[in-house]
Protein backbone atom coordinates (compact mmCIF):
# COMPACT_ATOMS: atom_id res chain seq x y z
CA MET A 1 4.42 30.10 -38.69
CA ARG A 2 7.94 29.73 -39.98
CA SER A 3 6.83 27.22 -42.62
CA LEU A 4 4.17 29.70 -43.77
CA GLY A 5 6.83 32.37 -44.24
CA TYR A 6 6.07 34.56 -41.23
CA PRO A 7 8.97 37.04 -41.04
CA ARG A 8 9.47 37.02 -37.25
CA ILE A 9 10.74 34.22 -35.05
CA ILE A 10 8.08 33.21 -32.53
CA SER A 11 8.91 31.16 -29.49
CA MET A 12 6.63 29.75 -26.82
CA GLU A 13 8.19 32.28 -24.43
CA ASN A 14 6.31 34.98 -26.33
CA PHE A 15 3.08 33.52 -24.98
CA ARG A 16 4.00 32.88 -21.33
CA ASN A 17 2.01 36.04 -20.63
CA PRO A 18 -0.88 37.28 -22.76
CA ASN A 19 0.58 38.96 -25.82
CA PHE A 20 -2.19 40.56 -27.85
CA GLU A 21 0.26 42.65 -29.86
CA LEU A 22 1.92 39.53 -31.28
CA VAL A 23 -1.43 37.81 -31.88
CA ALA A 24 -2.65 40.91 -33.73
CA ASP A 25 0.52 41.02 -35.81
CA CYS A 26 0.09 37.34 -36.74
CA LEU A 27 -3.57 37.85 -37.58
CA ASP A 28 -2.81 40.90 -39.71
CA TRP A 29 -0.06 39.02 -41.54
CA LEU A 30 -2.29 35.97 -42.10
CA LEU A 31 -5.13 38.18 -43.27
CA GLN A 32 -2.86 39.83 -45.86
CA ARG A 33 -1.87 36.38 -47.12
CA TYR A 34 -5.54 35.38 -47.26
CA ASP A 35 -6.66 38.56 -49.04
CA ASP A 36 -3.98 41.08 -49.96
CA SER A 37 -6.64 43.69 -50.73
CA ALA A 38 -8.05 43.48 -47.19
CA ASP A 39 -7.83 46.80 -45.40
CA VAL A 40 -8.15 46.43 -41.62
CA ASP A 41 -7.26 49.20 -39.19
CA ASP A 42 -4.46 47.71 -37.10
CA ASP A 43 -4.65 50.24 -34.25
CA ILE A 44 -4.89 48.15 -31.05
CA SER A 45 -3.99 50.81 -28.51
CA THR A 46 -7.26 50.61 -26.56
CA GLU A 47 -9.64 47.81 -25.64
CA THR A 48 -12.23 49.21 -28.05
CA ASP A 49 -9.63 49.31 -30.84
CA ARG A 50 -8.77 45.67 -30.14
CA VAL A 51 -12.41 44.62 -30.30
CA ASN A 52 -12.85 46.51 -33.57
CA PHE A 53 -9.68 44.92 -34.98
CA LEU A 54 -10.90 41.41 -34.12
CA LYS A 55 -14.35 42.08 -35.56
CA ALA A 56 -12.81 43.38 -38.79
CA VAL A 57 -10.50 40.36 -39.12
CA ALA A 58 -13.40 37.98 -38.46
CA GLN A 59 -15.58 39.80 -41.00
CA VAL A 60 -12.95 39.78 -43.74
CA SER A 61 -11.95 36.16 -43.17
CA GLY A 62 -15.54 35.05 -42.70
CA ARG A 63 -14.39 31.96 -40.83
CA THR A 64 -13.56 32.72 -37.23
CA SER A 65 -15.58 34.22 -34.43
CA PRO A 66 -14.20 37.36 -32.74
CA ARG A 67 -14.50 35.61 -29.36
CA ALA A 68 -12.16 32.85 -30.50
CA LEU A 69 -9.70 35.42 -31.79
CA ALA A 70 -9.87 37.39 -28.53
CA GLY A 71 -8.80 34.36 -26.53
CA ALA A 72 -5.90 33.56 -28.83
CA GLY A 73 -3.48 35.66 -26.81
CA ALA A 74 -4.46 34.20 -23.44
CA ARG A 75 -2.83 31.40 -21.53
CA ARG A 76 -4.82 28.21 -21.22
CA GLY A 77 -6.87 28.20 -18.06
CA SER A 78 -6.46 31.92 -17.59
CA ARG A 79 -9.55 34.03 -17.13
CA SER A 80 -7.78 37.11 -18.43
CA GLY A 81 -7.95 37.00 -22.21
CA GLY A 82 -5.35 38.37 -24.57
CA LEU A 83 -7.80 41.08 -25.60
CA TYR A 84 -7.46 42.98 -22.36
CA HIS A 85 -3.76 42.63 -21.60
CA GLN A 86 -0.83 43.74 -23.66
C-alpha cells in the first residue's frame, strides 16, 4: 500500500484481529484512486451499513464480489469474517 501512496502506515499487527474499519478505509481510498467521481456512503457503523458499503464498492469497481471483500478483514482460517467484527 505504501508504494501505491496510501497515506497511513499499515502493519501486519493491524490484522491480527479482524479490522473491518481499516479494510473499509483501504477500499474507499483505492476506489477513489480507481474512480475519483465515485460516491460511496462510507458509514460502516452497523452490519447492514457494512454490507451496503461492500455492495457499493463492488458495483462501482465492477471487478470484485462483495463476499470476497467481506472476508478481507478476517484472519485466515477464521470463521468470523471482517464484516461482522470491528
